[in-house]
C-alpha cells in the first residue's frame, strides 16, 4: 500500500491563488503535497479509529480481487475503484521525485499557508 495525498478544496484554492502571480511558478506544475496530509489507506483508517475511540472491522482485498472487481463493475464504480487503485496500490500520487525544473510544491513555496490537516478535517465527522 502506498500513501495518497489529501487536500481540502479551500486549501487548493488558496495555493492556486498565491501561485497565479508568483514568478517561481511560471511555466511549472504546482503540486500540492502538504506533509501532514500524506496517508496510506491503513494509516487513514488508524487515524479514524483513534478519533472515534474504537477499532473497526477490516476486510483486506488483494490487488487481484480489486482489479477483477474494477473490470466487472459498472462505469461509476469502475472509475472510483480505478482511482483508488492508482493512488493506494500503484502509488501514482507519491511514487515519484519532484523535478524542480518543471514542478514546484505548494506547501514548500508558501509555508505561511495554514492548510487543513487530515486530523482537523476528520474532526468535523466525530
N, C-alpha and C. Protein backbone atom coordinates (compact mmCIF):
# COMPACT_ATOMS: atom_id res chain seq x y z
N UNK A 1 0.84 -1.19 0.00
CA UNK A 1 0.00 0.00 0.00
C UNK A 1 0.87 1.25 0.00
N UNK A 2 0.54 2.15 -0.88
CA UNK A 2 1.25 3.42 -0.98
C UNK A 2 0.39 4.52 -0.36
N UNK A 3 1.03 5.59 0.07
CA UNK A 3 0.25 6.72 0.58
C UNK A 3 -0.35 7.54 -0.56
N UNK A 4 -1.38 8.26 -0.21
CA UNK A 4 -2.02 9.20 -1.14
C UNK A 4 -2.02 10.57 -0.48
N UNK A 5 -2.36 11.58 -1.24
CA UNK A 5 -2.36 12.95 -0.75
C UNK A 5 -3.79 13.44 -0.64
N UNK A 6 -4.10 14.09 0.48
CA UNK A 6 -5.44 14.59 0.72
C UNK A 6 -5.38 16.10 0.90
N UNK A 7 -6.25 16.82 0.19
CA UNK A 7 -6.31 18.27 0.27
C UNK A 7 -7.75 18.73 0.33
N UNK A 8 -8.00 19.69 1.21
CA UNK A 8 -9.32 20.31 1.26
C UNK A 8 -9.41 21.31 0.09
N UNK A 9 -10.58 21.41 -0.51
CA UNK A 9 -10.76 22.28 -1.68
C UNK A 9 -10.36 23.72 -1.39
N UNK A 10 -10.70 24.23 -0.21
CA UNK A 10 -10.35 25.61 0.15
C UNK A 10 -8.84 25.81 0.13
N UNK A 11 -8.09 24.80 0.57
CA UNK A 11 -6.63 24.90 0.59
C UNK A 11 -6.07 24.88 -0.83
N UNK A 12 -6.64 24.06 -1.69
CA UNK A 12 -6.22 24.04 -3.10
C UNK A 12 -6.44 25.42 -3.70
N UNK A 13 -7.57 26.03 -3.41
CA UNK A 13 -7.87 27.37 -3.93
C UNK A 13 -6.87 28.39 -3.40
N UNK A 14 -6.55 28.33 -2.12
CA UNK A 14 -5.58 29.27 -1.53
C UNK A 14 -4.23 29.17 -2.21
N UNK A 15 -3.73 27.95 -2.35
CA UNK A 15 -2.43 27.76 -3.02
C UNK A 15 -2.48 28.22 -4.47
N UNK A 16 -3.57 27.93 -5.15
CA UNK A 16 -3.70 28.31 -6.56
C UNK A 16 -3.67 29.82 -6.73
N UNK A 17 -4.40 30.52 -5.89
CA UNK A 17 -4.43 31.99 -5.96
C UNK A 17 -3.05 32.56 -5.70
N UNK A 18 -2.34 32.02 -4.70
CA UNK A 18 -0.99 32.51 -4.41
C UNK A 18 -0.04 32.25 -5.58
N UNK A 19 -0.22 31.14 -6.26
CA UNK A 19 0.70 30.75 -7.34
C UNK A 19 0.48 31.55 -8.63
N UNK A 20 -0.72 32.07 -8.82
CA UNK A 20 -1.04 32.73 -10.09
C UNK A 20 -0.07 33.86 -10.43
N UNK A 21 0.29 34.67 -9.45
CA UNK A 21 1.15 35.83 -9.71
C UNK A 21 2.58 35.62 -9.20
N UNK A 22 2.93 34.41 -8.86
CA UNK A 22 4.26 34.12 -8.32
C UNK A 22 5.19 33.71 -9.47
N UNK A 23 6.24 34.48 -9.73
CA UNK A 23 7.15 34.14 -10.83
C UNK A 23 7.85 32.79 -10.66
N UNK A 24 7.92 32.28 -9.44
CA UNK A 24 8.56 30.97 -9.21
C UNK A 24 7.73 29.83 -9.78
N UNK A 25 6.47 30.09 -10.08
CA UNK A 25 5.59 29.04 -10.61
C UNK A 25 5.38 29.14 -12.12
N UNK A 26 5.97 30.15 -12.73
CA UNK A 26 5.78 30.39 -14.16
C UNK A 26 6.24 29.18 -14.98
N UNK A 27 5.35 28.67 -15.81
CA UNK A 27 5.63 27.52 -16.68
C UNK A 27 6.01 26.26 -15.90
N UNK A 28 5.48 26.13 -14.70
CA UNK A 28 5.74 24.94 -13.88
C UNK A 28 4.42 24.36 -13.39
N UNK A 29 4.47 23.10 -13.07
CA UNK A 29 3.32 22.42 -12.48
C UNK A 29 3.35 22.64 -10.98
N UNK A 30 2.24 23.07 -10.41
CA UNK A 30 2.14 23.26 -8.97
C UNK A 30 1.58 21.99 -8.35
N UNK A 31 2.39 21.33 -7.54
CA UNK A 31 1.94 20.13 -6.83
C UNK A 31 1.59 20.54 -5.41
N UNK A 32 0.52 19.98 -4.89
CA UNK A 32 0.09 20.31 -3.53
C UNK A 32 0.19 19.03 -2.70
N UNK A 33 1.29 18.93 -1.96
CA UNK A 33 1.59 17.71 -1.19
C UNK A 33 1.93 18.09 0.26
N UNK A 34 0.98 18.65 1.00
CA UNK A 34 1.29 19.04 2.38
C UNK A 34 1.71 17.82 3.21
N UNK A 35 2.84 17.90 3.90
CA UNK A 35 3.40 16.71 4.56
C UNK A 35 2.48 16.06 5.60
N UNK A 36 1.62 16.84 6.25
CA UNK A 36 0.73 16.26 7.26
C UNK A 36 -0.52 15.64 6.65
N UNK A 37 -0.61 15.62 5.32
CA UNK A 37 -1.79 15.07 4.64
C UNK A 37 -1.45 13.93 3.69
N UNK A 38 -0.39 13.23 3.98
CA UNK A 38 0.01 12.09 3.16
C UNK A 38 -0.17 10.84 4.00
N UNK A 39 -1.14 10.01 3.60
CA UNK A 39 -1.52 8.83 4.38
C UNK A 39 -1.74 7.63 3.47
N UNK A 40 -1.34 6.47 3.94
CA UNK A 40 -1.78 5.24 3.29
C UNK A 40 -3.22 5.00 3.73
N UNK A 41 -3.89 4.09 3.05
CA UNK A 41 -5.27 3.79 3.44
C UNK A 41 -5.32 3.25 4.87
N UNK A 42 -4.36 2.38 5.22
CA UNK A 42 -4.32 1.83 6.57
C UNK A 42 -4.06 2.91 7.61
N UNK A 43 -3.18 3.86 7.30
CA UNK A 43 -2.91 4.97 8.23
C UNK A 43 -4.14 5.84 8.41
N UNK A 44 -4.87 6.05 7.34
CA UNK A 44 -6.09 6.85 7.41
C UNK A 44 -7.14 6.16 8.28
N UNK A 45 -7.29 4.86 8.11
CA UNK A 45 -8.23 4.10 8.94
C UNK A 45 -7.80 4.15 10.40
N UNK A 46 -6.50 4.01 10.66
CA UNK A 46 -5.98 4.07 12.04
C UNK A 46 -6.24 5.44 12.66
N UNK A 47 -6.09 6.50 11.88
CA UNK A 47 -6.38 7.85 12.38
C UNK A 47 -7.86 7.97 12.74
N UNK A 48 -8.73 7.44 11.88
CA UNK A 48 -10.17 7.49 12.16
C UNK A 48 -10.50 6.68 13.41
N UNK A 49 -9.91 5.51 13.55
CA UNK A 49 -10.15 4.68 14.73
C UNK A 49 -9.74 5.42 16.00
N UNK A 50 -8.61 6.11 15.94
CA UNK A 50 -8.14 6.89 17.09
C UNK A 50 -9.15 7.98 17.44
N UNK A 51 -9.68 8.62 16.43
CA UNK A 51 -10.64 9.71 16.66
C UNK A 51 -11.96 9.22 17.26
N UNK A 52 -12.43 8.06 16.81
CA UNK A 52 -13.72 7.57 17.30
C UNK A 52 -13.57 6.67 18.53
N UNK A 53 -12.33 6.32 18.86
CA UNK A 53 -12.08 5.55 20.07
C UNK A 53 -12.46 4.09 20.00
N UNK A 54 -12.47 3.52 18.81
CA UNK A 54 -12.74 2.09 18.69
C UNK A 54 -12.07 1.53 17.44
N UNK A 55 -11.93 0.22 17.43
CA UNK A 55 -11.32 -0.47 16.31
C UNK A 55 -12.41 -0.93 15.35
N UNK A 56 -12.20 -0.67 14.09
CA UNK A 56 -13.16 -1.07 13.06
C UNK A 56 -12.83 -2.46 12.54
N UNK A 57 -13.84 -3.17 12.12
CA UNK A 57 -13.62 -4.45 11.45
C UNK A 57 -13.14 -4.15 10.03
N UNK A 58 -12.07 -4.82 9.64
CA UNK A 58 -11.48 -4.55 8.33
C UNK A 58 -11.49 -5.80 7.47
N UNK A 59 -11.68 -5.60 6.20
CA UNK A 59 -11.58 -6.67 5.22
C UNK A 59 -10.49 -6.26 4.23
N UNK A 60 -9.45 -7.06 4.14
CA UNK A 60 -8.35 -6.75 3.23
C UNK A 60 -8.63 -7.41 1.88
N UNK A 61 -8.54 -6.62 0.83
CA UNK A 61 -8.84 -7.09 -0.52
C UNK A 61 -7.53 -7.17 -1.30
N UNK A 62 -7.16 -8.36 -1.78
CA UNK A 62 -5.94 -8.48 -2.59
C UNK A 62 -6.08 -7.69 -3.89
N UNK A 63 -4.95 -7.24 -4.42
CA UNK A 63 -4.97 -6.44 -5.65
C UNK A 63 -5.67 -7.17 -6.78
N UNK A 64 -5.44 -8.47 -6.90
CA UNK A 64 -6.07 -9.23 -7.98
C UNK A 64 -7.59 -9.16 -7.90
N UNK A 65 -8.11 -9.23 -6.68
CA UNK A 65 -9.56 -9.14 -6.49
C UNK A 65 -10.07 -7.74 -6.82
N UNK A 66 -9.31 -6.73 -6.42
CA UNK A 66 -9.69 -5.36 -6.74
C UNK A 66 -9.73 -5.15 -8.25
N UNK A 67 -8.73 -5.63 -8.96
CA UNK A 67 -8.70 -5.49 -10.42
C UNK A 67 -9.87 -6.22 -11.07
N UNK A 68 -10.21 -7.38 -10.55
CA UNK A 68 -11.35 -8.14 -11.07
C UNK A 68 -12.65 -7.37 -10.83
N UNK A 69 -12.78 -6.80 -9.63
CA UNK A 69 -13.98 -6.02 -9.30
C UNK A 69 -14.09 -4.80 -10.20
N UNK A 70 -12.95 -4.15 -10.46
CA UNK A 70 -12.95 -3.00 -11.37
C UNK A 70 -13.48 -3.41 -12.74
N UNK A 71 -12.99 -4.51 -13.26
CA UNK A 71 -13.40 -4.98 -14.59
C UNK A 71 -14.90 -5.29 -14.64
N UNK A 72 -15.44 -5.83 -13.56
CA UNK A 72 -16.83 -6.29 -13.55
C UNK A 72 -17.83 -5.21 -13.13
N UNK A 73 -17.36 -4.07 -12.67
CA UNK A 73 -18.26 -3.04 -12.14
C UNK A 73 -18.78 -2.11 -13.23
N UNK A 74 -19.96 -1.52 -12.99
CA UNK A 74 -20.46 -0.50 -13.92
C UNK A 74 -19.58 0.75 -13.84
N UNK A 75 -19.68 1.59 -14.86
CA UNK A 75 -18.77 2.73 -15.02
C UNK A 75 -18.60 3.62 -13.79
N UNK A 76 -19.62 4.09 -13.12
CA UNK A 76 -19.34 4.99 -11.99
C UNK A 76 -18.46 4.34 -10.92
N UNK A 77 -18.74 3.09 -10.60
CA UNK A 77 -17.97 2.38 -9.58
C UNK A 77 -16.59 2.04 -10.12
N UNK A 78 -16.52 1.65 -11.38
CA UNK A 78 -15.24 1.33 -12.03
C UNK A 78 -14.28 2.51 -11.93
N UNK A 79 -14.78 3.71 -12.16
CA UNK A 79 -13.93 4.91 -12.11
C UNK A 79 -13.43 5.14 -10.69
N UNK A 80 -14.32 5.08 -9.70
CA UNK A 80 -13.91 5.29 -8.31
C UNK A 80 -12.87 4.28 -7.87
N UNK A 81 -13.11 3.01 -8.17
CA UNK A 81 -12.16 1.97 -7.78
C UNK A 81 -10.84 2.10 -8.52
N UNK A 82 -10.88 2.50 -9.77
CA UNK A 82 -9.65 2.69 -10.55
C UNK A 82 -8.79 3.80 -9.96
N UNK A 83 -9.43 4.87 -9.52
CA UNK A 83 -8.69 5.97 -8.88
C UNK A 83 -8.06 5.50 -7.58
N UNK A 84 -8.80 4.75 -6.79
CA UNK A 84 -8.25 4.22 -5.54
C UNK A 84 -7.08 3.28 -5.82
N UNK A 85 -7.21 2.44 -6.84
CA UNK A 85 -6.12 1.53 -7.21
C UNK A 85 -4.89 2.33 -7.63
N UNK A 86 -5.10 3.35 -8.44
CA UNK A 86 -3.99 4.19 -8.90
C UNK A 86 -3.27 4.85 -7.72
N UNK A 87 -4.04 5.41 -6.79
CA UNK A 87 -3.45 6.14 -5.67
C UNK A 87 -2.84 5.22 -4.62
N UNK A 88 -3.62 4.27 -4.12
CA UNK A 88 -3.19 3.49 -2.95
C UNK A 88 -2.39 2.24 -3.30
N UNK A 89 -2.61 1.65 -4.45
CA UNK A 89 -1.88 0.43 -4.82
C UNK A 89 -0.66 0.78 -5.67
N UNK A 90 -0.87 1.56 -6.72
CA UNK A 90 0.25 1.93 -7.59
C UNK A 90 1.11 3.06 -7.02
N UNK A 91 0.53 3.87 -6.14
CA UNK A 91 1.28 4.99 -5.57
C UNK A 91 1.48 6.14 -6.54
N UNK A 92 0.55 6.31 -7.47
CA UNK A 92 0.72 7.31 -8.52
C UNK A 92 0.72 8.76 -8.02
N UNK A 93 0.29 9.00 -6.79
CA UNK A 93 0.30 10.36 -6.25
C UNK A 93 1.62 10.70 -5.56
N UNK A 94 2.34 9.68 -5.12
CA UNK A 94 3.53 9.93 -4.30
C UNK A 94 4.78 9.19 -4.76
N UNK A 95 4.65 8.29 -5.69
CA UNK A 95 5.74 7.40 -6.07
C UNK A 95 6.62 8.03 -7.17
N UNK A 96 7.07 9.27 -6.94
CA UNK A 96 7.93 9.95 -7.91
C UNK A 96 8.69 11.07 -7.20
N UNK A 97 9.78 11.47 -7.80
CA UNK A 97 10.56 12.60 -7.29
C UNK A 97 10.15 13.86 -8.03
N UNK A 98 10.13 14.96 -7.31
CA UNK A 98 9.80 16.25 -7.89
C UNK A 98 10.94 16.70 -8.82
N UNK A 99 10.61 17.18 -10.00
CA UNK A 99 11.60 17.74 -10.92
C UNK A 99 11.56 19.26 -10.78
N UNK A 100 12.54 19.86 -10.06
CA UNK A 100 12.50 21.30 -9.79
C UNK A 100 12.50 22.18 -11.05
N UNK A 101 12.95 21.65 -12.16
CA UNK A 101 12.93 22.43 -13.40
C UNK A 101 11.51 22.57 -13.96
N UNK A 102 10.64 21.63 -13.58
CA UNK A 102 9.28 21.61 -14.15
C UNK A 102 8.17 21.70 -13.10
N UNK A 103 8.51 21.45 -11.84
CA UNK A 103 7.48 21.34 -10.81
C UNK A 103 7.89 22.08 -9.53
N UNK A 104 6.90 22.59 -8.83
CA UNK A 104 7.12 23.19 -7.51
C UNK A 104 6.06 22.65 -6.57
N UNK A 105 6.40 22.59 -5.29
CA UNK A 105 5.47 22.06 -4.29
C UNK A 105 4.93 23.22 -3.46
N UNK A 106 3.62 23.33 -3.37
CA UNK A 106 2.95 24.48 -2.79
C UNK A 106 3.27 24.70 -1.31
N UNK A 107 3.24 23.66 -0.50
CA UNK A 107 3.46 23.88 0.94
C UNK A 107 4.90 24.28 1.24
N UNK A 108 5.83 23.96 0.35
CA UNK A 108 7.21 24.44 0.50
C UNK A 108 7.34 25.89 0.04
N UNK A 109 6.67 26.23 -1.06
CA UNK A 109 6.71 27.61 -1.57
C UNK A 109 6.02 28.59 -0.62
N UNK A 110 4.95 28.14 0.00
CA UNK A 110 4.12 29.02 0.84
C UNK A 110 3.96 28.43 2.24
N UNK A 111 5.04 28.43 3.03
CA UNK A 111 4.95 27.84 4.37
C UNK A 111 4.04 28.64 5.31
N UNK A 112 3.69 29.86 4.92
CA UNK A 112 2.79 30.69 5.72
C UNK A 112 1.34 30.24 5.62
N UNK A 113 1.00 29.45 4.63
CA UNK A 113 -0.39 28.99 4.47
C UNK A 113 -0.68 27.92 5.51
N UNK A 114 -1.72 28.15 6.28
CA UNK A 114 -2.17 27.18 7.29
C UNK A 114 -3.19 26.28 6.61
N UNK A 115 -2.72 25.13 6.13
CA UNK A 115 -3.62 24.20 5.45
C UNK A 115 -4.34 23.33 6.47
N UNK A 116 -5.45 22.75 6.06
CA UNK A 116 -6.25 21.87 6.91
C UNK A 116 -5.62 20.49 6.90
N UNK A 117 -5.22 20.01 8.08
CA UNK A 117 -4.65 18.67 8.15
C UNK A 117 -5.78 17.63 8.12
N UNK A 118 -5.42 16.40 7.81
CA UNK A 118 -6.43 15.34 7.81
C UNK A 118 -7.03 15.17 9.20
N UNK A 119 -6.19 15.32 10.24
CA UNK A 119 -6.72 15.22 11.61
C UNK A 119 -7.80 16.26 11.83
N UNK A 120 -7.53 17.50 11.42
CA UNK A 120 -8.51 18.57 11.58
C UNK A 120 -9.75 18.32 10.73
N UNK A 121 -9.54 17.87 9.51
CA UNK A 121 -10.66 17.62 8.60
C UNK A 121 -11.60 16.56 9.16
N UNK A 122 -11.04 15.49 9.70
CA UNK A 122 -11.87 14.40 10.22
C UNK A 122 -12.64 14.80 11.48
N UNK A 123 -12.15 15.81 12.21
CA UNK A 123 -12.82 16.24 13.44
C UNK A 123 -14.28 16.60 13.20
N UNK A 124 -14.61 17.13 12.04
CA UNK A 124 -15.99 17.54 11.77
C UNK A 124 -16.97 16.37 11.72
N UNK A 125 -16.44 15.15 11.56
CA UNK A 125 -17.31 13.98 11.45
C UNK A 125 -17.43 13.19 12.75
N UNK A 126 -16.67 13.59 13.76
CA UNK A 126 -16.69 12.85 15.03
C UNK A 126 -17.87 13.30 15.87
